[in-house]
Amino acid sequence: MSRNHPQATDERDESGERADGGTVEDGTRFLVGLDYEERSERRRVEYRLENYAGSVSKPPRMTRIVGGEEFYDLYETLQETVDDPSHLSVYELEDIAPSSEERTVRIDRVYGVELDRLEWAVQSLLDKWSASEREGTTYEVTPDSGEATVTVEYHLIDAQQGSRLELALTGPTPAPNAVKDGMLRDLGYLLPEALEVFDA
């Protein structure tokens, strides 16, 4: 009986770049798992998956991660066990280590409030995140999930229709995006809806 089965492996493009840092070949699929402790962490990941441009589907009703040297014998036995072999799907998995490369994401918005109100909101936000001041308007925070520390630098600017908040979040992927999502959620409680959005 054939031992061929679909694979989710260490795919590389023509230049030899890993799939976790470049383009993934068509047809390659990955099983994404999250061992979360806080619901907020699960919601952030679900949001990213829901807005992903590629294909996302849920695994079959029964899914198990299996290891061991005798797996191929088990695979053949499973094929003989099921009512229809097409009901069985098996993927070879390989961990993809998180990128240690730093990136910067930005919150850049204009709010219809006075500058002192915006200053109060930012300070309240930093307090909520237990931010540690480094220098001036530069702080450090850690996401709820305990990921790497993110540097937060902000500037407040008088705008024609209110006040502008420019906030840069720098750290190893994916921590800056996690902080950005959380801070935008918290700003929604502290400020009215932004008049203009220039996020990056």
N, C-alpha and C. Protein backbone atom coordinates (compact mmCIF):
# COMPACT_ATOMS: atom_id res chain seq x y z
N MET A 1 0.85 -1.19 0.00
CA MET A 1 0.00 0.00 0.00
C MET A 1 0.89 1.24 0.00
N SER A 2 0.47 2.24 -0.74
CA SER A 2 1.29 3.45 -0.86
C SER A 2 1.43 4.18 0.46
N ARG A 3 2.62 4.72 0.66
CA ARG A 3 2.87 5.49 1.87
C ARG A 3 2.91 6.98 1.56
N ASN A 4 2.57 7.36 0.35
CA ASN A 4 2.57 8.79 0.01
C ASN A 4 1.48 9.51 0.77
N HIS A 5 1.79 10.70 1.21
CA HIS A 5 0.79 11.50 1.91
C HIS A 5 1.16 12.96 1.78
N PRO A 6 0.16 13.88 1.90
CA PRO A 6 0.45 15.30 1.77
C PRO A 6 1.46 15.75 2.81
N GLN A 7 2.23 16.76 2.49
CA GLN A 7 3.25 17.24 3.41
C GLN A 7 3.15 18.74 3.61
N ALA A 8 3.41 19.19 4.85
CA ALA A 8 3.62 20.60 5.14
C ALA A 8 5.04 20.69 5.67
N THR A 9 5.98 21.03 4.81
CA THR A 9 7.39 20.93 5.16
C THR A 9 8.08 22.26 5.06
N ASP A 10 9.41 22.23 5.15
CA ASP A 10 10.24 23.43 5.10
C ASP A 10 10.36 23.89 3.65
N GLU A 11 9.32 24.54 3.12
CA GLU A 11 9.30 24.96 1.74
C GLU A 11 10.25 26.14 1.52
N ARG A 12 10.93 26.15 0.34
CA ARG A 12 11.79 27.26 -0.02
C ARG A 12 11.46 27.70 -1.44
N ASP A 13 11.64 29.00 -1.72
CA ASP A 13 11.41 29.48 -3.07
C ASP A 13 12.67 29.27 -3.90
N GLU A 14 12.68 29.78 -5.16
CA GLU A 14 13.80 29.55 -6.06
C GLU A 14 15.09 30.14 -5.51
N SER A 15 15.00 31.18 -4.71
CA SER A 15 16.20 31.80 -4.16
C SER A 15 16.69 31.09 -2.90
N GLY A 16 15.92 30.05 -2.44
CA GLY A 16 16.30 29.32 -1.25
C GLY A 16 15.78 29.93 0.02
N GLU A 17 14.89 30.92 -0.07
CA GLU A 17 14.39 31.58 1.12
C GLU A 17 13.32 30.73 1.78
N ARG A 18 13.33 30.67 3.10
CA ARG A 18 12.35 29.89 3.84
C ARG A 18 10.96 30.46 3.68
N ALA A 19 9.96 29.57 3.82
CA ALA A 19 8.57 30.01 3.69
C ALA A 19 8.17 30.99 4.77
N ASP A 20 8.84 30.95 5.93
CA ASP A 20 8.46 31.86 7.00
C ASP A 20 9.06 33.24 6.82
N GLY A 21 9.80 33.43 5.72
CA GLY A 21 10.36 34.75 5.50
C GLY A 21 10.13 35.23 4.08
N GLY A 22 9.36 34.48 3.27
CA GLY A 22 9.15 34.86 1.89
C GLY A 22 7.86 34.29 1.36
N THR A 23 7.83 34.07 0.04
CA THR A 23 6.63 33.59 -0.62
C THR A 23 6.52 32.08 -0.51
N VAL A 24 5.32 31.59 -0.25
CA VAL A 24 5.08 30.15 -0.15
C VAL A 24 4.57 29.63 -1.48
N GLU A 25 5.08 28.50 -1.91
CA GLU A 25 4.65 27.92 -3.18
C GLU A 25 3.17 27.56 -3.12
N ASP A 26 2.51 27.68 -4.29
CA ASP A 26 1.09 27.34 -4.38
C ASP A 26 0.87 25.89 -3.97
N GLY A 27 -0.18 25.63 -3.22
CA GLY A 27 -0.52 24.28 -2.81
C GLY A 27 0.04 23.88 -1.46
N THR A 28 1.07 24.59 -0.98
CA THR A 28 1.63 24.27 0.32
C THR A 28 0.68 24.75 1.42
N ARG A 29 0.41 23.88 2.39
CA ARG A 29 -0.47 24.24 3.49
C ARG A 29 0.23 24.01 4.82
N PHE A 30 -0.20 24.75 5.83
CA PHE A 30 0.42 24.66 7.15
C PHE A 30 -0.66 24.48 8.21
N LEU A 31 -0.37 23.64 9.19
CA LEU A 31 -1.24 23.47 10.34
C LEU A 31 -0.79 24.46 11.41
N VAL A 32 -1.66 25.37 11.78
CA VAL A 32 -1.34 26.40 12.76
C VAL A 32 -2.02 26.06 14.08
N GLY A 33 -1.24 25.94 15.15
CA GLY A 33 -1.79 25.63 16.47
C GLY A 33 -1.46 26.73 17.46
N LEU A 34 -2.33 26.94 18.42
CA LEU A 34 -2.12 27.95 19.46
C LEU A 34 -2.46 27.36 20.82
N ASP A 35 -1.47 27.25 21.68
CA ASP A 35 -1.68 26.76 23.04
C ASP A 35 -1.87 27.99 23.95
N TYR A 36 -3.05 28.59 23.87
CA TYR A 36 -3.29 29.87 24.53
C TYR A 36 -3.72 29.70 25.98
N GLU A 37 -3.46 30.75 26.77
CA GLU A 37 -3.90 30.78 28.16
C GLU A 37 -4.98 31.84 28.36
N GLU A 38 -4.90 32.93 27.62
CA GLU A 38 -5.88 34.01 27.73
C GLU A 38 -6.75 34.06 26.48
N ARG A 39 -8.05 34.31 26.68
CA ARG A 39 -8.97 34.41 25.55
C ARG A 39 -8.57 35.52 24.59
N SER A 40 -7.98 36.60 25.15
CA SER A 40 -7.58 37.73 24.32
C SER A 40 -6.53 37.30 23.29
N GLU A 41 -5.65 36.38 23.69
CA GLU A 41 -4.63 35.89 22.76
C GLU A 41 -5.29 35.10 21.63
N ARG A 42 -6.28 34.26 21.98
CA ARG A 42 -6.99 33.49 20.96
C ARG A 42 -7.74 34.42 20.01
N ARG A 43 -8.38 35.47 20.55
CA ARG A 43 -9.13 36.39 19.70
C ARG A 43 -8.22 37.11 18.71
N ARG A 44 -7.01 37.48 19.17
CA ARG A 44 -6.08 38.18 18.28
C ARG A 44 -5.66 37.27 17.12
N VAL A 45 -5.40 36.00 17.44
CA VAL A 45 -5.00 35.06 16.39
C VAL A 45 -6.16 34.78 15.45
N GLU A 46 -7.37 34.62 15.98
CA GLU A 46 -8.54 34.38 15.13
C GLU A 46 -8.77 35.56 14.19
N TYR A 47 -8.55 36.77 14.70
CA TYR A 47 -8.73 37.97 13.86
C TYR A 47 -7.75 37.95 12.69
N ARG A 48 -6.48 37.60 12.98
CA ARG A 48 -5.48 37.55 11.92
C ARG A 48 -5.83 36.48 10.88
N LEU A 49 -6.29 35.33 11.33
CA LEU A 49 -6.65 34.26 10.41
C LEU A 49 -7.86 34.63 9.56
N GLU A 50 -8.84 35.29 10.18
CA GLU A 50 -10.03 35.69 9.46
C GLU A 50 -9.73 36.72 8.37
N ASN A 51 -8.68 37.50 8.58
CA ASN A 51 -8.33 38.55 7.61
C ASN A 51 -7.13 38.17 6.74
N TYR A 52 -6.73 36.90 6.78
CA TYR A 52 -5.62 36.43 5.97
C TYR A 52 -6.07 36.29 4.51
N ALA A 53 -5.21 36.71 3.58
CA ALA A 53 -5.58 36.71 2.17
C ALA A 53 -5.60 35.31 1.57
N GLY A 54 -4.88 34.36 2.17
CA GLY A 54 -4.85 33.00 1.65
C GLY A 54 -6.02 32.18 2.12
N SER A 55 -5.93 30.88 1.95
CA SER A 55 -7.02 29.98 2.34
C SER A 55 -6.84 29.52 3.78
N VAL A 56 -7.93 29.49 4.52
CA VAL A 56 -7.93 29.02 5.90
C VAL A 56 -9.12 28.09 6.09
N SER A 57 -8.89 26.90 6.59
CA SER A 57 -9.98 25.97 6.86
C SER A 57 -9.72 25.28 8.18
N LYS A 58 -10.77 24.78 8.78
CA LYS A 58 -10.64 24.07 10.06
C LYS A 58 -10.28 22.61 9.80
N PRO A 59 -9.55 21.98 10.74
CA PRO A 59 -9.16 20.58 10.54
C PRO A 59 -10.37 19.66 10.63
N PRO A 60 -10.20 18.39 10.22
CA PRO A 60 -11.32 17.44 10.30
C PRO A 60 -11.84 17.29 11.72
N ARG A 61 -12.98 16.63 11.85
CA ARG A 61 -13.62 16.48 13.16
C ARG A 61 -12.70 15.83 14.17
N MET A 62 -11.90 14.89 13.72
CA MET A 62 -10.94 14.24 14.62
C MET A 62 -9.53 14.56 14.12
N THR A 63 -8.74 15.19 14.97
CA THR A 63 -7.37 15.56 14.60
C THR A 63 -6.43 15.18 15.73
N ARG A 64 -5.35 14.50 15.40
CA ARG A 64 -4.34 14.13 16.39
C ARG A 64 -2.96 14.39 15.81
N ILE A 65 -2.01 14.75 16.68
CA ILE A 65 -0.61 14.88 16.28
C ILE A 65 0.09 13.62 16.75
N VAL A 66 0.66 12.87 15.82
CA VAL A 66 1.20 11.55 16.11
C VAL A 66 2.69 11.51 15.77
N GLY A 67 3.49 10.88 16.61
CA GLY A 67 4.92 10.70 16.34
C GLY A 67 5.31 9.26 16.55
N GLY A 68 6.59 8.98 16.37
CA GLY A 68 7.08 7.62 16.59
C GLY A 68 7.61 6.98 15.32
N GLU A 69 8.57 6.07 15.48
CA GLU A 69 9.22 5.44 14.34
C GLU A 69 8.29 4.51 13.56
N GLU A 70 7.21 4.03 14.18
CA GLU A 70 6.32 3.08 13.51
C GLU A 70 5.10 3.76 12.91
N PHE A 71 5.21 5.07 12.65
CA PHE A 71 4.04 5.80 12.17
C PHE A 71 3.52 5.25 10.85
N TYR A 72 4.42 4.92 9.90
CA TYR A 72 3.95 4.48 8.59
C TYR A 72 3.16 3.18 8.67
N ASP A 73 3.52 2.32 9.61
CA ASP A 73 2.72 1.12 9.84
C ASP A 73 1.33 1.50 10.35
N LEU A 74 1.28 2.47 11.25
CA LEU A 74 0.00 2.95 11.76
C LEU A 74 -0.82 3.57 10.64
N TYR A 75 -0.17 4.31 9.76
CA TYR A 75 -0.86 4.97 8.65
C TYR A 75 -1.55 3.94 7.75
N GLU A 76 -0.84 2.86 7.43
CA GLU A 76 -1.43 1.81 6.60
C GLU A 76 -2.61 1.15 7.32
N THR A 77 -2.46 0.94 8.64
CA THR A 77 -3.55 0.34 9.42
C THR A 77 -4.77 1.25 9.43
N LEU A 78 -4.54 2.55 9.57
CA LEU A 78 -5.66 3.50 9.58
C LEU A 78 -6.39 3.49 8.24
N GLN A 79 -5.64 3.40 7.13
CA GLN A 79 -6.27 3.35 5.81
C GLN A 79 -7.17 2.12 5.68
N GLU A 80 -6.76 1.02 6.30
CA GLU A 80 -7.57 -0.19 6.25
C GLU A 80 -8.74 -0.14 7.22
N THR A 81 -8.66 0.78 8.20
CA THR A 81 -9.68 0.85 9.25
C THR A 81 -10.88 1.69 8.86
N VAL A 82 -10.63 2.78 8.12
CA VAL A 82 -11.71 3.72 7.80
C VAL A 82 -12.63 3.15 6.74
N ASP A 83 -13.88 3.66 6.71
CA ASP A 83 -14.85 3.21 5.71
C ASP A 83 -14.43 3.60 4.30
N ASP A 84 -13.82 4.79 4.18
CA ASP A 84 -13.38 5.29 2.89
C ASP A 84 -12.01 5.95 3.08
N PRO A 85 -10.97 5.48 2.40
CA PRO A 85 -9.63 6.06 2.58
C PRO A 85 -9.57 7.56 2.32
N SER A 86 -10.51 8.08 1.51
CA SER A 86 -10.51 9.52 1.23
C SER A 86 -10.92 10.34 2.46
N HIS A 87 -11.48 9.65 3.47
CA HIS A 87 -11.85 10.34 4.70
C HIS A 87 -10.62 10.67 5.55
N LEU A 88 -9.50 10.02 5.24
CA LEU A 88 -8.30 10.15 6.05
C LEU A 88 -7.31 11.10 5.38
N SER A 89 -6.88 12.10 6.11
CA SER A 89 -5.85 13.01 5.59
C SER A 89 -4.71 13.09 6.60
N VAL A 90 -3.48 12.98 6.11
CA VAL A 90 -2.30 12.97 6.96
C VAL A 90 -1.29 13.97 6.42
N TYR A 91 -0.71 14.77 7.31
CA TYR A 91 0.27 15.77 6.93
C TYR A 91 1.54 15.60 7.75
N GLU A 92 2.66 15.77 7.09
CA GLU A 92 3.94 15.75 7.80
C GLU A 92 4.24 17.17 8.25
N LEU A 93 4.44 17.35 9.54
CA LEU A 93 4.59 18.68 10.12
C LEU A 93 6.03 18.97 10.49
N GLU A 94 6.39 20.26 10.43
CA GLU A 94 7.69 20.70 10.88
C GLU A 94 7.53 22.06 11.53
N ASP A 95 8.08 22.22 12.72
CA ASP A 95 7.98 23.50 13.42
C ASP A 95 8.66 24.60 12.63
N ILE A 96 8.05 25.78 12.63
CA ILE A 96 8.66 26.97 12.06
C ILE A 96 8.95 27.92 13.21
N ALA A 97 10.20 28.19 13.45
CA ALA A 97 10.58 29.04 14.58
C ALA A 97 10.13 30.48 14.33
N PRO A 98 9.64 31.18 15.37
CA PRO A 98 9.27 32.59 15.23
C PRO A 98 10.46 33.41 14.77
N SER A 99 10.19 34.41 13.95
CA SER A 99 11.26 35.27 13.47
C SER A 99 11.78 36.14 14.60
N SER A 100 13.12 36.27 14.65
CA SER A 100 13.72 37.15 15.65
C SER A 100 13.99 38.54 15.09
N GLU A 101 13.64 38.73 13.82
CA GLU A 101 13.88 40.02 13.17
C GLU A 101 12.92 41.07 13.73
N GLU A 102 13.46 42.22 14.05
CA GLU A 102 12.63 43.29 14.58
C GLU A 102 11.87 44.00 13.46
N ARG A 103 10.67 44.44 13.80
CA ARG A 103 9.89 45.23 12.84
C ARG A 103 9.16 46.32 13.60
N THR A 104 8.75 47.33 12.88
CA THR A 104 8.02 48.45 13.49
C THR A 104 6.66 48.58 12.85
N VAL A 105 5.63 48.64 13.67
CA VAL A 105 4.28 48.92 13.19
C VAL A 105 3.85 50.24 13.83
N ARG A 106 2.88 50.90 13.22
CA ARG A 106 2.53 52.25 13.68
C ARG A 106 1.03 52.43 13.88
N ILE A 107 0.72 53.21 14.90
CA ILE A 107 -0.63 53.74 15.09
C ILE A 107 -0.51 55.23 14.80
N ASP A 108 -1.20 55.70 13.79
CA ASP A 108 -1.10 57.11 13.37
C ASP A 108 -2.51 57.59 13.06
N ARG A 109 -3.09 58.34 14.00
CA ARG A 109 -4.50 58.72 13.88
C ARG A 109 -4.75 60.14 14.37
N VAL A 110 -5.75 60.75 13.77
CA VAL A 110 -6.19 62.08 14.19
C VAL A 110 -7.51 61.94 14.94
N TYR A 111 -7.55 62.52 16.14
CA TYR A 111 -8.76 62.46 16.98
C TYR A 111 -9.31 63.87 17.17
N GLY A 112 -10.62 63.96 17.23
CA GLY A 112 -11.27 65.25 17.42
C GLY A 112 -11.32 65.67 18.87
N VAL A 113 -10.15 65.74 19.51
CA VAL A 113 -10.05 66.15 20.91
C VAL A 113 -8.88 67.11 21.07
N GLU A 114 -8.86 67.83 22.19
CA GLU A 114 -7.75 68.73 22.48
C GLU A 114 -6.49 67.92 22.80
N LEU A 115 -5.35 68.59 22.68
CA LEU A 115 -4.07 67.92 22.88
C LEU A 115 -3.93 67.37 24.31
N ASP A 116 -4.44 68.10 25.30
CA ASP A 116 -4.32 67.62 26.68
C ASP A 116 -5.17 66.37 26.92
N ARG A 117 -6.30 66.27 26.23
CA ARG A 117 -7.13 65.06 26.34
C ARG A 117 -6.41 63.87 25.72
N LEU A 118 -5.74 64.10 24.60
CA LEU A 118 -4.99 63.03 23.96
C LEU A 118 -3.81 62.60 24.83
N GLU A 119 -3.15 63.56 25.46
CA GLU A 119 -2.04 63.25 26.36
C GLU A 119 -2.53 62.39 27.52
N TRP A 120 -3.69 62.74 28.07
CA TRP A 120 -4.28 61.95 29.17
C TRP A 120 -4.56 60.52 28.71
N ALA A 121 -5.11 60.38 27.50
CA ALA A 121 -5.45 59.05 26.99
C ALA A 121 -4.20 58.20 26.82
N VAL A 122 -3.13 58.79 26.28
CA VAL A 122 -1.89 58.04 26.07
C VAL A 122 -1.28 57.62 27.40
N GLN A 123 -1.26 58.51 28.37
CA GLN A 123 -0.72 58.16 29.68
C GLN A 123 -1.55 57.07 30.35
N SER A 124 -2.87 57.15 30.20
CA SER A 124 -3.75 56.11 30.74
C SER A 124 -3.46 54.77 30.07
N LEU A 125 -3.22 54.81 28.75
CA LEU A 125 -2.90 53.60 27.99
C LEU A 125 -1.60 52.98 28.49
N LEU A 126 -0.58 53.80 28.67
CA LEU A 126 0.72 53.31 29.13
C LEU A 126 0.63 52.75 30.54
N ASP A 127 -0.17 53.40 31.38
CA ASP A 127 -0.37 52.89 32.74
C ASP A 127 -1.03 51.51 32.71
N LYS A 128 -2.04 51.37 31.87
CA LYS A 128 -2.76 50.10 31.77
C LYS A 128 -1.84 48.97 31.31
N TRP A 129 -0.88 49.32 30.45
CA TRP A 129 0.06 48.32 29.94
C TRP A 129 1.30 48.18 30.82
N SER A 130 1.29 48.85 31.97
CA SER A 130 2.43 48.79 32.91
C SER A 130 3.75 49.10 32.19
N ALA A 131 3.71 50.15 31.37
CA ALA A 131 4.88 50.52 30.57
C ALA A 131 6.00 51.06 31.44
N SER A 132 7.23 50.72 31.09
CA SER A 132 8.41 51.21 31.79
C SER A 132 9.04 52.32 30.95
N GLU A 133 9.22 53.49 31.57
CA GLU A 133 9.78 54.62 30.82
C GLU A 133 11.27 54.42 30.60
N ARG A 134 11.70 54.63 29.35
CA ARG A 134 13.12 54.54 29.02
C ARG A 134 13.75 55.93 28.92
N GLU A 135 13.09 56.78 28.12
CA GLU A 135 13.60 58.13 27.93
C GLU A 135 12.53 58.98 27.27
N GLY A 136 12.17 60.10 27.91
CA GLY A 136 11.19 61.01 27.30
C GLY A 136 9.88 60.34 26.99
N THR A 137 9.58 60.24 25.69
CA THR A 137 8.32 59.63 25.26
C THR A 137 8.54 58.20 24.75
N THR A 138 9.61 57.56 25.18
CA THR A 138 9.90 56.18 24.79
C THR A 138 9.70 55.25 25.99
N TYR A 139 8.94 54.18 25.78
CA TYR A 139 8.61 53.25 26.85
C TYR A 139 8.81 51.81 26.37
N GLU A 140 8.72 50.87 27.29
CA GLU A 140 8.77 49.45 26.96
C GLU A 140 7.55 48.76 27.56
N VAL A 141 6.94 47.88 26.78
CA VAL A 141 5.79 47.10 27.26
C VAL A 141 5.98 45.64 26.85
N THR A 142 5.23 44.76 27.49
CA THR A 142 5.24 43.34 27.16
C THR A 142 3.81 42.89 26.90
N PRO A 143 3.55 42.20 25.76
CA PRO A 143 2.19 41.73 25.45
C PRO A 143 1.65 40.81 26.53
N ASP A 144 0.32 40.65 26.58
CA ASP A 144 -0.33 39.77 27.55
C ASP A 144 0.19 38.35 27.45
N SER A 145 0.56 37.93 26.23
CA SER A 145 1.00 36.55 26.02
C SER A 145 2.42 36.31 26.50
N GLY A 146 3.09 37.37 27.03
CA GLY A 146 4.43 37.20 27.56
C GLY A 146 5.50 37.15 26.50
N GLU A 147 5.19 37.65 25.30
CA GLU A 147 6.17 37.64 24.23
C GLU A 147 7.26 38.67 24.51
N ALA A 148 8.16 38.85 23.57
CA ALA A 148 9.30 39.75 23.74
C ALA A 148 8.84 41.19 24.00
N THR A 149 9.72 41.93 24.65
CA THR A 149 9.43 43.33 24.97
C THR A 149 9.34 44.17 23.70
N VAL A 150 8.41 45.12 23.72
CA VAL A 150 8.19 46.03 22.59
C VAL A 150 8.48 47.46 23.04
N THR A 151 9.24 48.17 22.22
CA THR A 151 9.53 49.58 22.49
C THR A 151 8.41 50.45 21.92
N VAL A 152 7.90 51.36 22.73
CA VAL A 152 6.81 52.24 22.33
C VAL A 152 7.32 53.68 22.35
N GLU A 153 7.21 54.36 21.22
CA GLU A 153 7.59 55.78 21.14
C GLU A 153 6.42 56.56 20.55
N TYR A 154 6.02 57.63 21.22
CA TYR A 154 4.86 58.37 20.73
C TYR A 154 5.15 59.85 20.60
N HIS A 155 4.37 60.49 19.71
CA HIS A 155 4.42 61.94 19.51
C HIS A 155 3.00 62.44 19.40
N LEU A 156 2.73 63.59 20.01
CA LEU A 156 1.42 64.23 19.94
C LEU A 156 1.57 65.53 19.15
N ILE A 157 0.67 65.74 18.19
CA ILE A 157 0.80 66.88 17.29
C ILE A 157 -0.55 67.59 17.17
N ASP A 158 -0.50 68.92 17.22
CA ASP A 158 -1.71 69.71 16.96
C ASP A 158 -2.12 69.52 15.51
N ALA A 159 -3.36 69.14 15.28
CA ALA A 159 -3.86 68.95 13.92
C ALA A 159 -4.94 69.98 13.62
N GLN A 160 -5.26 70.12 12.36
CA GLN A 160 -6.23 71.13 11.95
C GLN A 160 -7.61 70.87 12.54
N GLN A 161 -7.97 69.60 12.66
CA GLN A 161 -9.30 69.24 13.16
C GLN A 161 -9.26 68.56 14.52
N GLY A 162 -8.16 68.69 15.24
CA GLY A 162 -8.06 68.05 16.54
C GLY A 162 -6.61 67.81 16.92
N SER A 163 -6.28 66.58 17.30
CA SER A 163 -4.92 66.24 17.70
C SER A 163 -4.53 64.93 17.06
N ARG A 164 -3.24 64.82 16.71
CA ARG A 164 -2.74 63.63 16.02
C ARG A 164 -1.83 62.83 16.93
N LEU A 165 -2.05 61.53 16.96
CA LEU A 165 -1.21 60.61 17.73
C LEU A 165 -0.37 59.80 16.77
N GLU A 166 0.95 59.87 16.91
CA GLU A 166 1.87 59.03 16.16
C GLU A 166 2.57 58.12 17.15
N LEU A 167 2.36 56.84 17.01
CA LEU A 167 2.87 55.88 17.98
C LEU A 167 3.58 54.75 17.23
N ALA A 168 4.88 54.55 17.50
CA ALA A 168 5.67 53.50 16.84
C ALA A 168 5.93 52.37 17.81
N LEU A 169 5.71 51.14 17.36
CA LEU A 169 5.90 49.94 18.18
C LEU A 169 6.95 49.06 17.52
N THR A 170 8.07 48.84 18.21
CA THR A 170 9.18 48.11 17.62
C THR A 170 9.57 46.92 18.49
N GLY A 171 9.73 45.76 17.84
CA GLY A 171 10.12 44.55 18.57
C GLY A 171 10.14 43.37 17.63
N PRO A 172 10.55 42.18 18.13
CA PRO A 172 10.58 40.99 17.28
C PRO A 172 9.17 40.52 16.94
N THR A 173 8.99 40.07 15.71
CA THR A 173 7.70 39.55 15.25
C THR A 173 7.30 38.34 16.09
N PRO A 174 6.02 38.19 16.48
CA PRO A 174 4.86 39.01 16.13
C PRO A 174 4.43 39.98 17.24
N ALA A 175 5.33 40.25 18.19
CA ALA A 175 4.96 41.04 19.36
C ALA A 175 4.42 42.44 19.03
N PRO A 176 5.02 43.19 18.08
CA PRO A 176 4.48 44.53 17.81
C PRO A 176 3.02 44.53 17.36
N ASN A 177 2.64 43.55 16.53
CA ASN A 177 1.25 43.48 16.09
C ASN A 177 0.30 43.16 17.24
N ALA A 178 0.76 42.30 18.16
CA ALA A 178 -0.07 41.97 19.31
C ALA A 178 -0.31 43.20 20.18
N VAL A 179 0.75 44.00 20.38
CA VAL A 179 0.61 45.22 21.18
C VAL A 179 -0.28 46.22 20.45
N LYS A 180 -0.11 46.34 19.15
CA LYS A 180 -0.92 47.28 18.37
C LYS A 180 -2.40 46.95 18.49
N ASP A 181 -2.75 45.68 18.31
CA ASP A 181 -4.15 45.27 18.41
C ASP A 181 -4.72 45.60 19.79
N GLY A 182 -3.93 45.30 20.83
CA GLY A 182 -4.41 45.56 22.19
C GLY A 182 -4.54 47.04 22.49
N MET A 183 -3.58 47.84 22.03
CA MET A 183 -3.64 49.27 22.30
C MET A 183 -4.77 49.95 21.53
N LEU A 184 -5.02 49.53 20.32
CA LEU A 184 -6.14 50.09 19.57
C LEU A 184 -7.47 49.77 20.26
N ARG A 185 -7.56 48.57 20.80
CA ARG A 185 -8.77 48.21 21.55
C ARG A 185 -8.94 49.12 22.76
N ASP A 186 -7.85 49.33 23.49
CA ASP A 186 -7.93 50.16 24.69
C ASP A 186 -8.18 51.63 24.36
N LEU A 187 -7.59 52.12 23.27
CA LEU A 187 -7.82 53.51 22.86
C LEU A 187 -9.29 53.73 22.51
N GLY A 188 -9.95 52.67 22.06
CA GLY A 188 -11.37 52.78 21.73
C GLY A 188 -12.23 53.11 22.93
N TYR A 189 -11.73 52.76 24.14
CA TYR A 189 -12.45 53.08 25.36
C TYR A 189 -12.09 54.47 25.89
N LEU A 190 -10.94 54.98 25.48
CA LEU A 190 -10.44 56.24 26.02
C LEU A 190 -10.73 57.45 25.14
N LEU A 191 -10.93 57.22 23.85
CA LEU A 191 -11.09 58.31 22.90
C LEU A 191 -12.26 58.04 21.95
N PRO A 192 -12.82 59.10 21.36
CA PRO A 192 -13.85 58.89 20.34
C PRO A 192 -13.22 58.28 19.09
N GLU A 193 -14.04 57.87 18.15
CA GLU A 193 -13.53 57.28 16.92
C GLU A 193 -12.64 58.27 16.18
N ALA A 194 -11.53 57.75 15.65
CA ALA A 194 -10.58 58.60 14.97
C ALA A 194 -11.19 59.25 13.73
N LEU A 195 -10.81 60.51 13.49
CA LEU A 195 -11.29 61.22 12.29
C LEU A 195 -10.53 60.78 11.06
N GLU A 196 -9.23 60.49 11.23
CA GLU A 196 -8.40 60.03 10.12
C GLU A 196 -7.47 58.95 10.61
N VAL A 197 -7.16 57.98 9.73
CA VAL A 197 -6.31 56.85 10.09
C VAL A 197 -5.18 56.72 9.07
N PHE A 198 -3.94 56.72 9.56
CA PHE A 198 -2.78 56.56 8.68
C PHE A 198 -1.89 55.42 9.16
N ASP A 199 -2.47 54.45 9.84
CA ASP A 199 -1.69 53.34 10.42
C ASP A 199 -0.84 52.63 9.37
N ALA A 200 0.29 52.06 9.83
CA ALA A 200 1.14 51.28 8.94
C ALA A 200 1.71 50.10 9.73
